[in-house]
């Protein structure tokens, strides 16, 4: 069957999820500002989907499964009866048709990311033109499950400024798919030594100059002319922190300086790039040990 005759699922358009499932999901990344990465979550009752082909890579992560779910799944022309368990994932490459019918209920995280995200993440490791991701029926994958839960928790905590975090996780997902779901075994280049000193200073200066903006991994990598995956690895070797962890450290340090000058907490959160005051409070207490309010009272 040709893809053109199928219902098309576009994760970037939330309304198309309503055509695939019985209702729109209760949680999505629509307002999070993530770049080419999408998340939707819902607790699904027994039901079925039409046959659908996604424009993006799709991953279903089963996170709340009180009892095994009996399911019939059709994936890329193959059919299988499954017993879906908590922690199972289904991998559906872009433009691959998929249909499912299930008799139980459970929570499902649906992840989608644009093919360009995958390509950009790996192009300095392997030739993306020679890589194909194979569809996989429901099976356990602890890493994908944990990454899905992490992104879901970030949305639930109100992390609207979490673009860099989401892109970093998408990069890990891309490399994981390359290593474990590729149609052929691939050898990933290993890079050591960290970033050259001038490039490290260049990207650190850029981060500090744009703390109030929703920085992305691809944007930071572009500053030094690297792919996101390559940059992320070398940056961590140089600093000991993943880019999103370093960015949070910089924002908290900047917040401390502003608070010491008596700037209001809500204004500080805005000036250093946190999504809101609650997001500042969370990271400030985690890294400093006290809340911003406590620091103001100690002055």
Protein backbone atom coordinates (compact mmCIF):
# COMPACT_ATOMS: atom_id res chain seq x y z
CA UNK A 1 0.00 0.00 0.00
CA UNK A 2 1.40 3.41 -0.88
CA UNK A 3 1.97 5.97 1.82
CA UNK A 4 -0.08 8.52 -0.15
CA UNK A 5 -3.29 6.49 0.40
CA UNK A 6 -2.86 6.37 4.16
CA UNK A 7 -3.92 8.81 6.84
CA UNK A 8 -0.91 11.01 7.52
CA UNK A 9 0.16 11.74 11.08
CA UNK A 10 1.99 15.03 11.58
CA UNK A 11 3.22 15.42 15.17
CA UNK A 12 3.74 19.14 14.60
CA UNK A 13 -0.03 19.55 14.15
CA UNK A 14 -1.73 18.45 17.35
CA UNK A 15 -5.14 18.15 15.70
CA UNK A 16 -3.96 15.18 13.61
CA UNK A 17 -3.57 13.16 16.82
CA UNK A 18 -7.32 13.54 17.27
CA UNK A 19 -7.82 11.73 13.96
CA UNK A 20 -5.68 8.81 15.07
CA UNK A 21 -6.84 8.39 18.66
CA UNK A 22 -10.27 8.69 20.26
CA UNK A 23 -9.44 12.11 21.72
CA UNK A 24 -6.70 14.70 21.92
CA UNK A 25 -3.95 13.86 24.46
CA UNK A 26 -4.03 15.42 27.93
CA UNK A 27 -0.40 16.58 27.72
CA UNK A 28 1.59 17.82 24.72
CA UNK A 29 4.73 19.81 24.00
CA UNK A 30 2.82 22.21 21.73
CA UNK A 31 3.61 25.30 23.84
CA UNK A 32 7.10 24.24 24.94
CA UNK A 33 8.98 25.69 21.97
CA UNK A 34 10.95 22.51 21.29
CA UNK A 35 12.56 22.45 17.85
CA UNK A 36 11.50 19.46 15.74
CA UNK A 37 10.74 17.33 18.81
CA UNK A 38 7.21 16.47 19.94
CA UNK A 39 5.65 14.72 22.91
CA UNK A 40 2.07 13.73 23.61
CA UNK A 41 0.78 11.72 26.56
CA UNK A 42 -2.55 10.16 27.39
CA UNK A 43 -4.01 7.27 29.35
CA UNK A 44 -5.52 5.13 26.59
CA UNK A 45 -8.61 3.00 27.07
CA UNK A 46 -9.19 -0.09 24.89
CA UNK A 47 -9.44 0.95 21.25
CA UNK A 48 -7.78 1.00 17.87
CA UNK A 49 -6.11 3.35 15.41
CA UNK A 50 -6.57 3.60 11.66
CA UNK A 51 -3.68 2.72 9.41
CA UNK A 52 -1.42 5.75 9.50
CA UNK A 53 1.99 6.90 8.24
CA UNK A 54 3.91 9.53 10.17
CA UNK A 55 5.91 12.37 8.67
CA UNK A 56 8.31 12.09 11.61
CA UNK A 57 10.06 9.28 13.43
CA UNK A 58 7.62 7.99 16.03
CA UNK A 59 8.18 6.15 19.30
CA UNK A 60 5.44 4.92 21.63
CA UNK A 61 6.52 4.39 25.24
CA UNK A 62 4.19 2.42 27.52
CA UNK A 63 4.64 3.87 30.99
CA UNK A 64 1.58 2.88 33.04
CA UNK A 65 0.43 -0.65 32.34
CA UNK A 66 -1.31 -2.14 35.40
CA UNK A 67 -1.89 -5.47 33.62
CA UNK A 68 -0.45 -6.80 30.33
CA UNK A 69 -2.27 -5.39 27.29
CA UNK A 70 -3.29 -7.78 24.52
CA UNK A 71 -2.78 -6.06 21.17
CA UNK A 72 -2.78 -6.69 17.45
CA UNK A 73 -0.26 -4.54 15.60
CA UNK A 74 0.47 -4.06 11.90
CA UNK A 75 3.83 -2.43 11.19
CA UNK A 76 5.40 -1.96 7.76
CA UNK A 77 3.34 -4.76 6.22
CA UNK A 78 3.89 -7.25 9.04
CA UNK A 79 1.28 -8.25 11.63
CA UNK A 80 1.85 -9.52 15.15
CA UNK A 81 -0.10 -10.36 18.28
CA UNK A 82 1.56 -8.69 21.26
CA UNK A 83 1.36 -8.70 25.02
CA UNK A 84 2.43 -5.15 25.85
CA UNK A 85 4.10 -4.58 29.22
CA UNK A 86 5.15 -1.50 31.14
CA UNK A 87 8.47 -0.24 29.76
CA UNK A 88 7.86 -1.54 26.25
CA UNK A 89 8.44 0.75 23.27
CA UNK A 90 7.36 0.68 19.62
CA UNK A 91 9.59 2.31 17.00
CA UNK A 92 8.01 3.56 13.77
CA UNK A 93 10.34 5.25 11.24
CA UNK A 94 9.07 8.18 9.19
CA UNK A 95 6.76 7.27 6.30
CA UNK A 96 6.20 3.78 7.67
CA UNK A 97 2.60 2.68 8.03
CA UNK A 98 1.28 1.42 11.35
CA UNK A 99 -2.02 0.27 12.81
CA UNK A 100 -2.91 -1.10 16.24
CA UNK A 101 -5.83 -2.54 18.17
CA UNK A 102 -5.60 -3.17 21.92
CA UNK A 103 -7.88 -4.61 24.60
CA UNK A 104 -6.34 -3.21 27.79
CA UNK A 105 -5.63 0.27 29.12
CA UNK A 106 -2.49 2.15 30.04
CA UNK A 107 -0.48 5.33 29.82
CA UNK A 108 1.38 5.99 26.57
CA UNK A 109 3.99 8.62 25.78
CA UNK A 110 4.15 9.34 22.06
CA UNK A 111 7.42 10.86 20.89
CA UNK A 112 8.00 12.28 17.44
CA UNK A 113 11.02 13.98 15.93
CA UNK A 114 11.74 15.33 12.50
CA UNK A 115 14.08 13.35 10.23
CA UNK A 116 16.35 16.41 10.13
CA UNK A 117 16.86 16.12 13.91
CA UNK A 118 18.13 12.57 13.42
CA UNK A 119 20.32 13.56 10.46
CA UNK A 120 21.89 16.55 12.23
CA UNK A 121 22.58 14.51 15.36
CA UNK A 122 24.64 11.85 13.61
CA UNK A 123 26.15 13.33 10.45
CA UNK A 124 29.69 13.65 11.87
CA UNK A 125 29.50 10.10 13.27
CA UNK A 126 28.25 8.25 10.17
CA UNK A 127 26.86 9.07 6.74
CA UNK A 128 23.10 9.58 7.30
CA UNK A 129 22.40 8.65 3.67
CA UNK A 130 23.57 5.12 4.43
CA UNK A 131 21.55 4.69 7.61
CA UNK A 132 18.02 3.30 7.83
CA UNK A 133 16.11 2.73 11.06
CA UNK A 134 14.07 -0.47 11.14
CA UNK A 135 10.54 -0.59 12.60
CA UNK A 136 10.27 -2.51 15.87
CA UNK A 137 7.27 -4.09 17.53
CA UNK A 138 6.67 -3.68 21.26
CA UNK A 139 9.72 -4.70 23.29
CA UNK A 140 11.47 -3.36 26.40
CA UNK A 141 13.99 -0.54 26.05
CA UNK A 142 14.90 0.96 29.45
CA UNK A 143 16.84 3.92 28.00
CA UNK A 144 14.08 5.10 25.66
CA UNK A 145 11.53 4.61 28.44
CA UNK A 146 13.58 6.73 30.85
CA UNK A 147 14.16 9.47 28.27
CA UNK A 148 10.44 9.60 27.52
CA UNK A 149 9.58 9.85 31.21
CA UNK A 150 12.20 12.59 31.66
CA UNK A 151 10.69 14.70 28.87
CA UNK A 152 7.19 14.15 30.23
CA UNK A 153 8.30 15.20 33.73
CA UNK A 154 9.93 18.33 32.27
CA UNK A 155 6.64 19.34 30.64
CA UNK A 156 4.65 18.61 33.80
CA UNK A 157 7.00 20.78 35.86
CA UNK A 158 6.25 23.74 33.63
CA UNK A 159 9.62 23.68 31.90
CA UNK A 160 8.61 25.88 29.00
CA UNK A 161 12.20 27.03 28.58
CA UNK A 162 13.54 23.50 28.19
CA UNK A 163 14.41 23.61 24.48
CA UNK A 164 18.10 22.80 25.00
CA UNK A 165 17.20 19.94 27.34
CA UNK A 166 14.73 18.44 24.84
CA UNK A 167 17.23 18.71 21.98
CA UNK A 168 19.92 17.04 24.08
CA UNK A 169 17.59 14.12 24.81
CA UNK A 170 16.62 13.90 21.13
CA UNK A 171 20.33 13.69 20.32
CA UNK A 172 20.77 10.78 22.75
CA UNK A 173 17.71 9.12 21.21
CA UNK A 174 19.12 9.51 17.70
CA UNK A 175 22.42 7.90 18.64
CA UNK A 176 20.61 5.11 20.51
CA UNK A 177 18.42 4.38 17.47
CA UNK A 178 21.52 4.36 15.29
CA UNK A 179 23.25 1.85 17.58
CA UNK A 180 20.34 -0.49 18.27
CA UNK A 181 17.65 -0.04 15.61
CA UNK A 182 19.61 0.45 12.40
CA UNK A 183 19.09 -2.02 9.55
CA UNK A 184 22.85 -2.57 9.48
CA UNK A 185 25.57 -2.44 12.09
CA UNK A 186 27.23 0.94 12.22
CA UNK A 187 30.53 1.96 13.77
CA UNK A 188 30.27 5.34 15.49
CA UNK A 189 33.35 7.51 15.54
CA UNK A 190 34.65 8.26 19.01
CA UNK A 191 35.83 11.79 19.67
CA UNK A 192 38.12 12.70 22.56
CA UNK A 193 40.00 15.72 23.76
CA UNK A 194 37.14 18.15 24.18
CA UNK A 195 36.56 21.39 22.32
CA UNK A 196 39.51 23.52 21.20
CA UNK A 197 40.04 26.27 23.79
CA UNK A 198 39.01 29.10 21.45
CA UNK A 199 35.79 27.32 20.47
CA UNK A 200 34.97 26.57 24.11
CA UNK A 201 35.37 30.26 25.00
CA UNK A 202 33.34 31.19 21.93
CA UNK A 203 30.34 29.09 22.90
CA UNK A 204 30.54 30.02 26.61
CA UNK A 205 30.54 33.70 25.68
CA UNK A 206 27.54 33.09 23.45
CA UNK A 207 25.65 31.32 26.26
CA UNK A 208 26.30 34.12 28.74
CA UNK A 209 25.27 36.76 26.21
CA UNK A 210 21.95 35.02 25.47
CA UNK A 211 20.85 33.66 28.87
CA UNK A 212 17.42 35.29 28.51
CA UNK A 213 16.71 33.41 25.29
CA UNK A 214 15.50 29.81 24.69
CA UNK A 215 18.82 28.42 23.50
CA UNK A 216 18.87 25.18 21.52
CA UNK A 217 21.52 22.51 21.06
CA UNK A 218 21.63 22.99 17.28
CA UNK A 219 22.06 26.74 17.79
CA UNK A 220 25.03 26.30 20.14
CA UNK A 221 26.61 23.73 17.84
CA UNK A 222 26.26 26.12 14.92
CA UNK A 223 28.21 28.80 16.83
CA UNK A 224 31.31 26.60 16.58
CA UNK A 225 30.43 24.93 13.25
CA UNK A 226 29.70 21.42 14.51
CA UNK A 227 26.87 18.91 14.49
CA UNK A 228 24.78 18.78 17.70
CA UNK A 229 25.95 15.27 18.55
CA UNK A 230 29.63 16.03 18.04
CA UNK A 231 29.40 19.33 19.91
CA UNK A 232 27.48 17.84 22.84
CA UNK A 233 30.09 15.14 23.42
CA UNK A 234 33.08 17.47 23.19
CA UNK A 235 31.44 20.15 25.32
CA UNK A 236 30.86 17.68 28.14
CA UNK A 237 34.46 16.47 27.88
CA UNK A 238 35.65 20.08 28.21
CA UNK A 239 33.36 21.25 31.01
CA UNK A 240 32.15 18.13 32.79
CA UNK A 241 28.57 19.19 32.08
CA UNK A 242 26.10 18.49 29.30
CA UNK A 243 25.18 21.75 27.51
CA UNK A 244 21.76 22.00 29.17
CA UNK A 245 23.31 21.43 32.62
CA UNK A 246 25.91 24.12 31.98
CA UNK A 247 23.22 26.55 30.80
CA UNK A 248 21.25 26.05 34.03
CA UNK A 249 24.42 26.62 36.07
CA UNK A 250 25.03 29.90 34.21
CA UNK A 251 21.43 31.02 34.74
CA UNK A 252 21.57 30.27 38.46
CA UNK A 253 24.91 32.08 38.83
CA UNK A 254 23.51 35.11 37.02
CA UNK A 255 20.40 34.97 39.21
CA UNK A 256 22.59 35.06 42.34
CA UNK A 257 24.28 38.22 41.11
CA UNK A 258 20.98 39.95 40.36
CA UNK A 259 19.43 38.89 43.68
CA UNK A 260 22.46 40.27 45.53
CA UNK A 261 21.62 43.63 43.95
CA UNK A 262 18.03 43.43 45.24
CA UNK A 263 16.29 42.68 41.92
CA UNK A 264 12.82 41.15 42.40
CA UNK A 265 12.64 37.36 42.05
CA UNK A 266 10.08 37.39 39.20
CA UNK A 267 12.21 39.87 37.26
CA UNK A 268 15.32 37.79 37.89
CA UNK A 269 13.62 34.69 36.48
CA UNK A 270 12.76 36.61 33.32
CA UNK A 271 16.20 38.20 32.93
CA UNK A 272 18.14 34.93 33.19
CA UNK A 273 15.87 32.88 30.94
CA UNK A 274 13.86 30.66 33.27
CA UNK A 275 10.31 29.90 32.15
CA UNK A 276 8.83 31.32 35.35
CA UNK A 277 9.57 32.01 39.01
CA UNK A 278 8.79 28.42 39.98
CA UNK A 279 11.35 27.11 37.52
CA UNK A 280 13.97 29.48 38.98
CA UNK A 281 13.08 28.40 42.53
CA UNK A 282 13.48 24.72 41.66
CA UNK A 283 16.92 24.98 40.04
CA UNK A 284 18.20 27.65 42.46
CA UNK A 285 17.43 25.54 45.52
CA UNK A 286 18.81 22.41 43.83
CA UNK A 287 22.16 24.06 43.05
CA UNK A 288 22.55 26.67 45.81
CA UNK A 289 20.77 24.90 48.67
CA UNK A 290 18.36 27.74 49.49
CA UNK A 291 15.51 29.46 47.69
CA UNK A 292 15.89 32.88 46.03
CA UNK A 293 13.57 34.29 48.68
CA UNK A 294 15.80 32.97 51.46
CA UNK A 295 18.81 34.59 49.81
CA UNK A 296 17.03 37.95 49.70
CA UNK A 297 16.08 37.66 53.38
CA UNK A 298 19.71 36.85 54.29
CA UNK A 299 20.92 40.13 52.79
